[in-house]
Amino acid sequence: MPVLIDATVLSNLAAVKRLDLLKLLGDELYLASAVYEEIQRGLEEGYEFLAEVDKALDEGIFDLTTLKGEEEWRLYRRMPGKLQRGEAMSLAIALHRKWGFLTDDRAARRHADRLKARYSGTLGILLLAIKKGHLSLKEADELLKQMVMKARYRSPVDSLEALVKGGRNVD
């Protein structure tokens, strides 16, 4: 299934130079044009680690997409005002095309829940990497710690251990 990636997840993975983990989701990964614009603004503001996103685009890890057709535009215009453009555009596209959506933004996830959209986030990617044997729990926890420091990720957990053991559900 194709997946749209929001700036929050991109930022976390770019900060630790692990955008490659997105490949675990498959070959059809996309950024909405508004998300790419957010990343470019971040670069202009001095978040140099976001240059990893351009490298990943050049390597073909993901492609850019935008709203197409009246129905996607209609969905986009109906998104709550508290969502940033990238989140609103990504969610509208994901809903209309029945794609997955990666975000760590609380408001975007709540709205995705209401609309019954499929979504996950940074923790879901780290858990998938552990499950598929690409990272150990210790390595994933270290990446999580670095994301908190470098990208200011507000993780709901300090360690993935309880999630790996099934003690808590996080998409």
N, C-alpha and C. Protein backbone atom coordinates (compact mmCIF):
# COMPACT_ATOMS: atom_id res chain seq x y z
N MET A 1 0.84 -1.18 0.00
CA MET A 1 0.00 0.00 0.00
C MET A 1 0.89 1.24 0.00
N PRO A 2 0.61 2.20 -0.85
CA PRO A 2 1.35 3.46 -0.84
C PRO A 2 1.17 4.17 0.51
N VAL A 3 2.19 4.93 0.90
CA VAL A 3 2.19 5.63 2.18
C VAL A 3 2.67 7.06 1.99
N LEU A 4 1.97 8.00 2.62
CA LEU A 4 2.37 9.41 2.66
C LEU A 4 3.08 9.68 3.97
N ILE A 5 4.16 10.44 3.93
CA ILE A 5 4.97 10.69 5.11
C ILE A 5 4.89 12.17 5.47
N ASP A 6 4.56 12.45 6.72
CA ASP A 6 4.45 13.82 7.20
C ASP A 6 5.82 14.33 7.67
N ALA A 7 5.92 15.63 7.81
CA ALA A 7 7.18 16.27 8.19
C ALA A 7 7.68 15.82 9.56
N THR A 8 6.77 15.50 10.48
CA THR A 8 7.21 15.10 11.82
C THR A 8 8.04 13.82 11.77
N VAL A 9 7.55 12.83 11.04
CA VAL A 9 8.27 11.55 10.92
C VAL A 9 9.56 11.76 10.13
N LEU A 10 9.49 12.52 9.04
CA LEU A 10 10.70 12.80 8.25
C LEU A 10 11.77 13.46 9.09
N SER A 11 11.37 14.43 9.88
CA SER A 11 12.31 15.16 10.72
C SER A 11 12.99 14.23 11.72
N ASN A 12 12.20 13.38 12.37
CA ASN A 12 12.78 12.46 13.35
C ASN A 12 13.80 11.52 12.72
N LEU A 13 13.43 10.93 11.58
CA LEU A 13 14.33 9.98 10.93
C LEU A 13 15.53 10.67 10.29
N ALA A 14 15.32 11.87 9.74
CA ALA A 14 16.43 12.61 9.14
C ALA A 14 17.45 13.03 10.19
N ALA A 15 16.97 13.37 11.37
CA ALA A 15 17.87 13.82 12.45
C ALA A 15 18.87 12.74 12.84
N VAL A 16 18.49 11.48 12.67
CA VAL A 16 19.39 10.38 13.03
C VAL A 16 19.92 9.65 11.79
N LYS A 17 19.73 10.29 10.62
CA LYS A 17 20.22 9.76 9.34
C LYS A 17 19.73 8.33 9.08
N ARG A 18 18.43 8.10 9.34
CA ARG A 18 17.86 6.77 9.12
C ARG A 18 16.58 6.80 8.29
N LEU A 19 16.54 7.67 7.32
CA LEU A 19 15.40 7.68 6.40
C LEU A 19 15.29 6.35 5.64
N ASP A 20 16.39 5.60 5.60
CA ASP A 20 16.37 4.29 4.95
C ASP A 20 15.37 3.34 5.59
N LEU A 21 15.04 3.55 6.86
CA LEU A 21 14.07 2.67 7.54
C LEU A 21 12.69 2.75 6.88
N LEU A 22 12.42 3.84 6.19
CA LEU A 22 11.13 3.96 5.51
C LEU A 22 10.96 2.89 4.44
N LYS A 23 12.06 2.39 3.88
CA LYS A 23 11.99 1.35 2.85
C LYS A 23 11.32 0.08 3.38
N LEU A 24 11.30 -0.10 4.69
CA LEU A 24 10.66 -1.27 5.28
C LEU A 24 9.16 -1.28 5.00
N LEU A 25 8.61 -0.12 4.66
CA LEU A 25 7.18 0.01 4.38
C LEU A 25 6.83 -0.35 2.94
N GLY A 26 7.83 -0.51 2.09
CA GLY A 26 7.59 -0.84 0.69
C GLY A 26 8.18 0.20 -0.24
N ASP A 27 7.82 0.07 -1.50
CA ASP A 27 8.41 0.91 -2.54
C ASP A 27 7.59 2.14 -2.90
N GLU A 28 6.37 2.24 -2.40
CA GLU A 28 5.51 3.34 -2.79
C GLU A 28 5.35 4.33 -1.64
N LEU A 29 6.37 5.18 -1.49
CA LEU A 29 6.40 6.17 -0.43
C LEU A 29 6.36 7.57 -1.04
N TYR A 30 5.55 8.44 -0.43
CA TYR A 30 5.33 9.76 -1.01
C TYR A 30 5.38 10.86 0.04
N LEU A 31 5.75 12.05 -0.44
CA LEU A 31 5.63 13.28 0.33
C LEU A 31 4.66 14.17 -0.41
N ALA A 32 3.71 14.74 0.31
CA ALA A 32 2.85 15.75 -0.30
C ALA A 32 3.71 16.99 -0.55
N SER A 33 3.39 17.74 -1.58
CA SER A 33 4.18 18.92 -1.92
C SER A 33 4.25 19.90 -0.75
N ALA A 34 3.17 20.02 0.02
CA ALA A 34 3.18 20.94 1.17
C ALA A 34 4.13 20.46 2.26
N VAL A 35 4.30 19.15 2.41
CA VAL A 35 5.26 18.61 3.37
C VAL A 35 6.68 18.97 2.93
N TYR A 36 6.94 18.82 1.64
CA TYR A 36 8.26 19.17 1.12
C TYR A 36 8.56 20.66 1.38
N GLU A 37 7.56 21.50 1.20
CA GLU A 37 7.73 22.93 1.48
C GLU A 37 8.06 23.16 2.95
N GLU A 38 7.42 22.41 3.86
CA GLU A 38 7.72 22.53 5.30
C GLU A 38 9.18 22.14 5.57
N ILE A 39 9.63 21.09 4.92
CA ILE A 39 11.02 20.64 5.09
C ILE A 39 11.98 21.72 4.60
N GLN A 40 11.67 22.33 3.47
CA GLN A 40 12.53 23.39 2.94
C GLN A 40 12.58 24.59 3.88
N ARG A 41 11.43 24.93 4.48
CA ARG A 41 11.42 26.04 5.47
C ARG A 41 12.28 25.68 6.67
N GLY A 42 12.22 24.44 7.09
CA GLY A 42 13.05 23.99 8.20
C GLY A 42 14.53 24.13 7.89
N LEU A 43 14.90 23.78 6.67
CA LEU A 43 16.30 23.95 6.25
C LEU A 43 16.70 25.42 6.30
N GLU A 44 15.82 26.29 5.81
CA GLU A 44 16.10 27.73 5.83
C GLU A 44 16.24 28.26 7.25
N GLU A 45 15.55 27.63 8.19
CA GLU A 45 15.61 28.05 9.59
C GLU A 45 16.82 27.45 10.32
N GLY A 46 17.63 26.66 9.62
CA GLY A 46 18.86 26.16 10.22
C GLY A 46 18.85 24.71 10.66
N TYR A 47 17.79 23.97 10.37
CA TYR A 47 17.75 22.55 10.72
C TYR A 47 18.45 21.76 9.61
N GLU A 48 19.78 21.77 9.68
CA GLU A 48 20.61 21.22 8.61
C GLU A 48 20.38 19.74 8.37
N PHE A 49 19.97 19.00 9.39
CA PHE A 49 19.75 17.57 9.22
C PHE A 49 18.63 17.27 8.22
N LEU A 50 17.79 18.27 7.95
CA LEU A 50 16.70 18.05 6.99
C LEU A 50 17.20 17.93 5.55
N ALA A 51 18.48 18.23 5.32
CA ALA A 51 19.08 18.01 3.99
C ALA A 51 19.02 16.52 3.63
N GLU A 52 18.90 15.67 4.63
CA GLU A 52 18.76 14.22 4.39
C GLU A 52 17.53 13.92 3.54
N VAL A 53 16.50 14.74 3.65
CA VAL A 53 15.27 14.51 2.88
C VAL A 53 15.54 14.68 1.39
N ASP A 54 16.29 15.72 1.02
CA ASP A 54 16.64 15.89 -0.40
C ASP A 54 17.49 14.73 -0.90
N LYS A 55 18.42 14.26 -0.08
CA LYS A 55 19.24 13.10 -0.47
C LYS A 55 18.35 11.89 -0.72
N ALA A 56 17.39 11.67 0.17
CA ALA A 56 16.49 10.52 0.02
C ALA A 56 15.62 10.65 -1.23
N LEU A 57 15.19 11.88 -1.54
CA LEU A 57 14.45 12.10 -2.79
C LEU A 57 15.32 11.75 -3.99
N ASP A 58 16.57 12.20 -3.97
CA ASP A 58 17.50 11.91 -5.06
C ASP A 58 17.75 10.41 -5.20
N GLU A 59 17.74 9.70 -4.07
CA GLU A 59 17.96 8.25 -4.09
C GLU A 59 16.70 7.47 -4.44
N GLY A 60 15.59 8.16 -4.57
CA GLY A 60 14.35 7.49 -4.94
C GLY A 60 13.64 6.77 -3.81
N ILE A 61 13.96 7.11 -2.55
CA ILE A 61 13.29 6.47 -1.42
C ILE A 61 11.81 6.84 -1.42
N PHE A 62 11.51 8.08 -1.79
CA PHE A 62 10.12 8.50 -1.92
C PHE A 62 10.01 9.50 -3.05
N ASP A 63 8.75 9.74 -3.46
CA ASP A 63 8.45 10.68 -4.53
C ASP A 63 7.52 11.76 -4.01
N LEU A 64 7.42 12.85 -4.75
CA LEU A 64 6.50 13.93 -4.40
C LEU A 64 5.15 13.70 -5.08
N THR A 65 4.09 14.13 -4.41
CA THR A 65 2.76 14.11 -4.98
C THR A 65 2.01 15.34 -4.49
N THR A 66 0.87 15.59 -5.07
CA THR A 66 0.05 16.73 -4.65
C THR A 66 -1.42 16.38 -4.84
N LEU A 67 -2.26 17.30 -4.43
CA LEU A 67 -3.70 17.09 -4.59
C LEU A 67 -4.05 16.98 -6.06
N LYS A 68 -4.92 16.01 -6.36
CA LYS A 68 -5.38 15.82 -7.74
C LYS A 68 -6.89 15.66 -7.72
N GLY A 69 -7.56 16.39 -8.54
CA GLY A 69 -9.00 16.24 -8.68
C GLY A 69 -9.78 16.99 -7.62
N GLU A 70 -11.03 17.23 -7.96
CA GLU A 70 -11.90 18.03 -7.09
C GLU A 70 -12.16 17.37 -5.73
N GLU A 71 -12.28 16.05 -5.69
CA GLU A 71 -12.57 15.38 -4.41
C GLU A 71 -11.43 15.56 -3.40
N GLU A 72 -10.19 15.44 -3.84
CA GLU A 72 -9.06 15.66 -2.93
C GLU A 72 -9.02 17.10 -2.46
N TRP A 73 -9.29 18.04 -3.37
CA TRP A 73 -9.33 19.45 -2.97
C TRP A 73 -10.45 19.69 -1.96
N ARG A 74 -11.59 19.06 -2.17
CA ARG A 74 -12.72 19.21 -1.26
C ARG A 74 -12.36 18.67 0.13
N LEU A 75 -11.75 17.49 0.16
CA LEU A 75 -11.32 16.92 1.44
C LEU A 75 -10.31 17.85 2.14
N TYR A 76 -9.37 18.36 1.37
CA TYR A 76 -8.34 19.25 1.91
C TYR A 76 -8.97 20.50 2.53
N ARG A 77 -9.92 21.10 1.84
CA ARG A 77 -10.57 22.32 2.34
C ARG A 77 -11.40 22.05 3.60
N ARG A 78 -11.80 20.82 3.81
CA ARG A 78 -12.60 20.47 4.99
C ARG A 78 -11.76 20.08 6.20
N MET A 79 -10.45 20.04 6.05
CA MET A 79 -9.59 19.68 7.17
C MET A 79 -9.63 20.78 8.23
N PRO A 80 -9.50 20.38 9.51
CA PRO A 80 -9.52 21.39 10.58
C PRO A 80 -8.39 22.40 10.43
N GLY A 81 -8.67 23.63 10.82
CA GLY A 81 -7.69 24.70 10.72
C GLY A 81 -6.45 24.48 11.57
N LYS A 82 -6.54 23.64 12.60
CA LYS A 82 -5.38 23.40 13.46
C LYS A 82 -4.32 22.51 12.81
N LEU A 83 -4.67 21.85 11.69
CA LEU A 83 -3.68 21.06 10.98
C LEU A 83 -2.83 21.96 10.09
N GLN A 84 -1.55 21.69 10.04
CA GLN A 84 -0.69 22.42 9.12
C GLN A 84 -1.01 21.97 7.69
N ARG A 85 -0.59 22.76 6.71
CA ARG A 85 -0.89 22.43 5.31
C ARG A 85 -0.42 21.04 4.93
N GLY A 86 0.78 20.67 5.34
CA GLY A 86 1.32 19.37 4.96
C GLY A 86 0.51 18.21 5.51
N GLU A 87 0.10 18.35 6.76
CA GLU A 87 -0.73 17.30 7.37
C GLU A 87 -2.09 17.22 6.70
N ALA A 88 -2.69 18.39 6.47
CA ALA A 88 -4.02 18.42 5.85
C ALA A 88 -3.97 17.86 4.43
N MET A 89 -2.96 18.24 3.66
CA MET A 89 -2.84 17.75 2.30
C MET A 89 -2.58 16.24 2.29
N SER A 90 -1.66 15.79 3.15
CA SER A 90 -1.35 14.36 3.22
C SER A 90 -2.57 13.55 3.59
N LEU A 91 -3.30 14.01 4.57
CA LEU A 91 -4.48 13.27 5.03
C LEU A 91 -5.56 13.24 3.95
N ALA A 92 -5.77 14.34 3.26
CA ALA A 92 -6.76 14.37 2.18
C ALA A 92 -6.39 13.38 1.07
N ILE A 93 -5.13 13.37 0.69
CA ILE A 93 -4.66 12.44 -0.35
C ILE A 93 -4.80 11.00 0.14
N ALA A 94 -4.34 10.73 1.36
CA ALA A 94 -4.40 9.37 1.91
C ALA A 94 -5.84 8.87 1.96
N LEU A 95 -6.74 9.70 2.39
CA LEU A 95 -8.15 9.30 2.46
C LEU A 95 -8.71 8.97 1.09
N HIS A 96 -8.52 9.87 0.15
CA HIS A 96 -9.11 9.69 -1.18
C HIS A 96 -8.50 8.49 -1.91
N ARG A 97 -7.18 8.33 -1.80
CA ARG A 97 -6.50 7.26 -2.54
C ARG A 97 -6.40 5.96 -1.74
N LYS A 98 -6.88 6.00 -0.49
CA LYS A 98 -6.81 4.83 0.41
C LYS A 98 -5.36 4.39 0.65
N TRP A 99 -4.53 5.39 0.92
CA TRP A 99 -3.12 5.17 1.23
C TRP A 99 -2.93 5.25 2.74
N GLY A 100 -1.78 4.76 3.20
CA GLY A 100 -1.39 4.92 4.59
C GLY A 100 -0.84 6.32 4.82
N PHE A 101 -0.72 6.71 6.09
CA PHE A 101 -0.28 8.05 6.47
C PHE A 101 0.61 7.93 7.69
N LEU A 102 1.81 8.50 7.62
CA LEU A 102 2.73 8.52 8.74
C LEU A 102 2.80 9.92 9.33
N THR A 103 2.45 10.04 10.60
CA THR A 103 2.54 11.32 11.29
C THR A 103 2.68 11.08 12.78
N ASP A 104 3.32 12.01 13.45
CA ASP A 104 3.39 12.00 14.91
C ASP A 104 2.59 13.15 15.49
N ASP A 105 1.99 13.95 14.65
CA ASP A 105 1.22 15.09 15.10
C ASP A 105 -0.09 14.62 15.74
N ARG A 106 -0.31 15.01 16.97
CA ARG A 106 -1.48 14.55 17.72
C ARG A 106 -2.80 14.94 17.04
N ALA A 107 -2.92 16.19 16.61
CA ALA A 107 -4.16 16.64 15.96
C ALA A 107 -4.41 15.88 14.66
N ALA A 108 -3.37 15.64 13.88
CA ALA A 108 -3.51 14.90 12.63
C ALA A 108 -3.93 13.45 12.90
N ARG A 109 -3.37 12.85 13.94
CA ARG A 109 -3.72 11.47 14.27
C ARG A 109 -5.17 11.38 14.76
N ARG A 110 -5.59 12.36 15.56
CA ARG A 110 -6.98 12.37 16.03
C ARG A 110 -7.95 12.48 14.85
N HIS A 111 -7.62 13.38 13.93
CA HIS A 111 -8.50 13.56 12.78
C HIS A 111 -8.48 12.31 11.90
N ALA A 112 -7.32 11.70 11.74
CA ALA A 112 -7.23 10.45 10.98
C ALA A 112 -8.09 9.36 11.62
N ASP A 113 -8.08 9.31 12.94
CA ASP A 113 -8.95 8.36 13.66
C ASP A 113 -10.42 8.60 13.31
N ARG A 114 -10.85 9.86 13.40
CA ARG A 114 -12.25 10.20 13.11
C ARG A 114 -12.65 9.81 11.70
N LEU A 115 -11.71 9.94 10.77
CA LEU A 115 -12.00 9.66 9.36
C LEU A 115 -11.70 8.21 8.97
N LYS A 116 -11.25 7.44 9.95
CA LYS A 116 -10.92 6.02 9.73
C LYS A 116 -9.78 5.83 8.72
N ALA A 117 -8.82 6.74 8.74
CA ALA A 117 -7.65 6.62 7.88
C ALA A 117 -6.62 5.72 8.55
N ARG A 118 -5.85 5.02 7.75
CA ARG A 118 -4.77 4.16 8.28
C ARG A 118 -3.54 5.02 8.52
N TYR A 119 -3.00 4.96 9.72
CA TYR A 119 -1.83 5.78 10.03
C TYR A 119 -0.92 5.08 11.03
N SER A 120 0.29 5.56 11.08
CA SER A 120 1.28 5.14 12.06
C SER A 120 2.23 6.32 12.23
N GLY A 121 3.38 6.08 12.86
CA GLY A 121 4.32 7.16 13.08
C GLY A 121 5.72 6.65 13.32
N THR A 122 6.52 7.48 13.93
CA THR A 122 7.92 7.15 14.18
C THR A 122 8.07 5.87 15.00
N LEU A 123 7.30 5.76 16.07
CA LEU A 123 7.41 4.55 16.90
C LEU A 123 7.03 3.30 16.12
N GLY A 124 6.03 3.43 15.28
CA GLY A 124 5.62 2.29 14.45
C GLY A 124 6.73 1.85 13.51
N ILE A 125 7.48 2.80 12.97
CA ILE A 125 8.60 2.46 12.09
C ILE A 125 9.72 1.78 12.88
N LEU A 126 10.02 2.32 14.05
CA LEU A 126 11.06 1.69 14.88
C LEU A 126 10.66 0.28 15.29
N LEU A 127 9.40 0.10 15.63
CA LEU A 127 8.92 -1.24 16.00
C LEU A 127 8.99 -2.21 14.82
N LEU A 128 8.64 -1.73 13.64
CA LEU A 128 8.72 -2.56 12.44
C LEU A 128 10.18 -2.95 12.17
N ALA A 129 11.09 -2.02 12.37
CA ALA A 129 12.52 -2.29 12.16
C ALA A 129 13.02 -3.36 13.13
N ILE A 130 12.53 -3.32 14.36
CA ILE A 130 12.89 -4.35 15.34
C ILE A 130 12.30 -5.69 14.91
N LYS A 131 11.01 -5.68 14.58
CA LYS A 131 10.30 -6.91 14.19
C LYS A 131 10.96 -7.58 12.99
N LYS A 132 11.41 -6.78 12.02
CA LYS A 132 12.02 -7.33 10.81
C LYS A 132 13.51 -7.61 10.96
N GLY A 133 14.06 -7.35 12.16
CA GLY A 133 15.46 -7.66 12.43
C GLY A 133 16.45 -6.64 11.90
N HIS A 134 15.99 -5.45 11.55
CA HIS A 134 16.90 -4.41 11.06
C HIS A 134 17.52 -3.61 12.19
N LEU A 135 16.89 -3.62 13.35
CA LEU A 135 17.41 -2.96 14.55
C LEU A 135 17.17 -3.86 15.76
N SER A 136 18.10 -3.79 16.70
CA SER A 136 17.85 -4.43 17.99
C SER A 136 17.06 -3.44 18.84
N LEU A 137 16.49 -3.90 19.93
CA LEU A 137 15.78 -3.01 20.84
C LEU A 137 16.72 -1.91 21.34
N LYS A 138 17.94 -2.30 21.67
CA LYS A 138 18.92 -1.32 22.16
C LYS A 138 19.22 -0.26 21.10
N GLU A 139 19.39 -0.68 19.84
CA GLU A 139 19.66 0.28 18.76
C GLU A 139 18.46 1.22 18.54
N ALA A 140 17.26 0.64 18.57
CA ALA A 140 16.05 1.46 18.38
C ALA A 140 15.89 2.46 19.51
N ASP A 141 16.14 2.03 20.74
CA ASP A 141 16.05 2.95 21.88
C ASP A 141 17.07 4.08 21.76
N GLU A 142 18.26 3.76 21.26
CA GLU A 142 19.28 4.80 21.07
C GLU A 142 18.84 5.79 19.99
N LEU A 143 18.27 5.29 18.90
CA LEU A 143 17.76 6.18 17.87
C LEU A 143 16.66 7.08 18.43
N LEU A 144 15.77 6.49 19.22
CA LEU A 144 14.69 7.25 19.85
C LEU A 144 15.26 8.36 20.73
N LYS A 145 16.25 8.03 21.52
CA LYS A 145 16.90 9.02 22.39
C LYS A 145 17.51 10.16 21.56
N GLN A 146 18.16 9.80 20.45
CA GLN A 146 18.77 10.82 19.58
C GLN A 146 17.70 11.68 18.91
N MET A 147 16.56 11.08 18.54
CA MET A 147 15.47 11.85 17.93
C MET A 147 14.92 12.89 18.90
N VAL A 148 14.82 12.50 20.16
CA VAL A 148 14.34 13.42 21.19
C VAL A 148 15.31 14.60 21.32
N MET A 149 16.60 14.31 21.29
CA MET A 149 17.60 15.36 21.45
C MET A 149 17.74 16.23 20.20
N LYS A 150 17.88 15.61 19.05
CA LYS A 150 18.20 16.34 17.83
C LYS A 150 16.99 16.94 17.12
N ALA A 151 15.87 16.21 17.10
CA ALA A 151 14.69 16.68 16.37
C ALA A 151 13.61 17.19 17.32
N ARG A 152 13.90 17.14 18.61
CA ARG A 152 12.92 17.56 19.63
C ARG A 152 11.63 16.75 19.56
N TYR A 153 11.78 15.47 19.24
CA TYR A 153 10.64 14.57 19.17
C TYR A 153 10.05 14.40 20.57
N ARG A 154 8.76 14.60 20.68
CA ARG A 154 8.06 14.41 21.96
C ARG A 154 7.48 13.01 22.00
N SER A 155 8.32 12.07 22.27
CA SER A 155 7.91 10.66 22.28
C SER A 155 7.06 10.36 23.51
N PRO A 156 6.02 9.55 23.33
CA PRO A 156 5.20 9.16 24.48
C PRO A 156 5.88 8.11 25.36
N VAL A 157 7.02 7.58 24.91
CA VAL A 157 7.76 6.57 25.68
C VAL A 157 9.25 6.90 25.66
N ASP A 158 9.95 6.43 26.68
CA ASP A 158 11.41 6.59 26.74
C ASP A 158 12.13 5.38 26.15
N SER A 159 11.43 4.25 26.14
CA SER A 159 11.98 3.00 25.62
C SER A 159 10.88 2.26 24.88
N LEU A 160 11.29 1.50 23.88
CA LEU A 160 10.35 0.70 23.10
C LEU A 160 10.10 -0.67 23.72
N GLU A 161 10.75 -0.95 24.83
CA GLU A 161 10.68 -2.29 25.42
C GLU A 161 9.25 -2.75 25.70
N ALA A 162 8.45 -1.92 26.35
CA ALA A 162 7.08 -2.30 26.67
C ALA A 162 6.26 -2.52 25.40
N LEU A 163 6.52 -1.73 24.38
CA LEU A 163 5.80 -1.87 23.11
C LEU A 163 6.17 -3.16 22.40
N VAL A 164 7.45 -3.52 22.46
CA VAL A 164 7.93 -4.75 21.84
C VAL A 164 7.30 -5.96 22.54
N LYS A 165 7.16 -5.85 23.87
CA LYS A 165 6.59 -6.96 24.64
C LYS A 165 5.07 -6.96 24.62
N GLY A 166 4.49 -5.97 23.93
CA GLY A 166 3.04 -5.94 23.81
C GLY A 166 2.31 -5.28 24.95
N GLY A 167 3.05 -4.55 25.78
CA GLY A 167 2.43 -3.92 26.95
C GLY A 167 1.63 -2.68 26.63
N ARG A 168 1.83 -2.10 25.45
CA ARG A 168 1.13 -0.87 25.09
C ARG A 168 0.99 -0.80 23.58
N ASN A 169 -0.12 -0.34 23.11
CA ASN A 169 -0.37 -0.27 21.67
C ASN A 169 -0.06 1.14 21.17
N VAL A 170 0.82 1.22 20.20
CA VAL A 170 1.13 2.48 19.53
C VAL A 170 1.18 2.20 18.04
N ASP A 171 0.45 2.97 17.27
CA ASP A 171 0.48 2.80 15.81
C ASP A 171 1.65 3.53 15.24
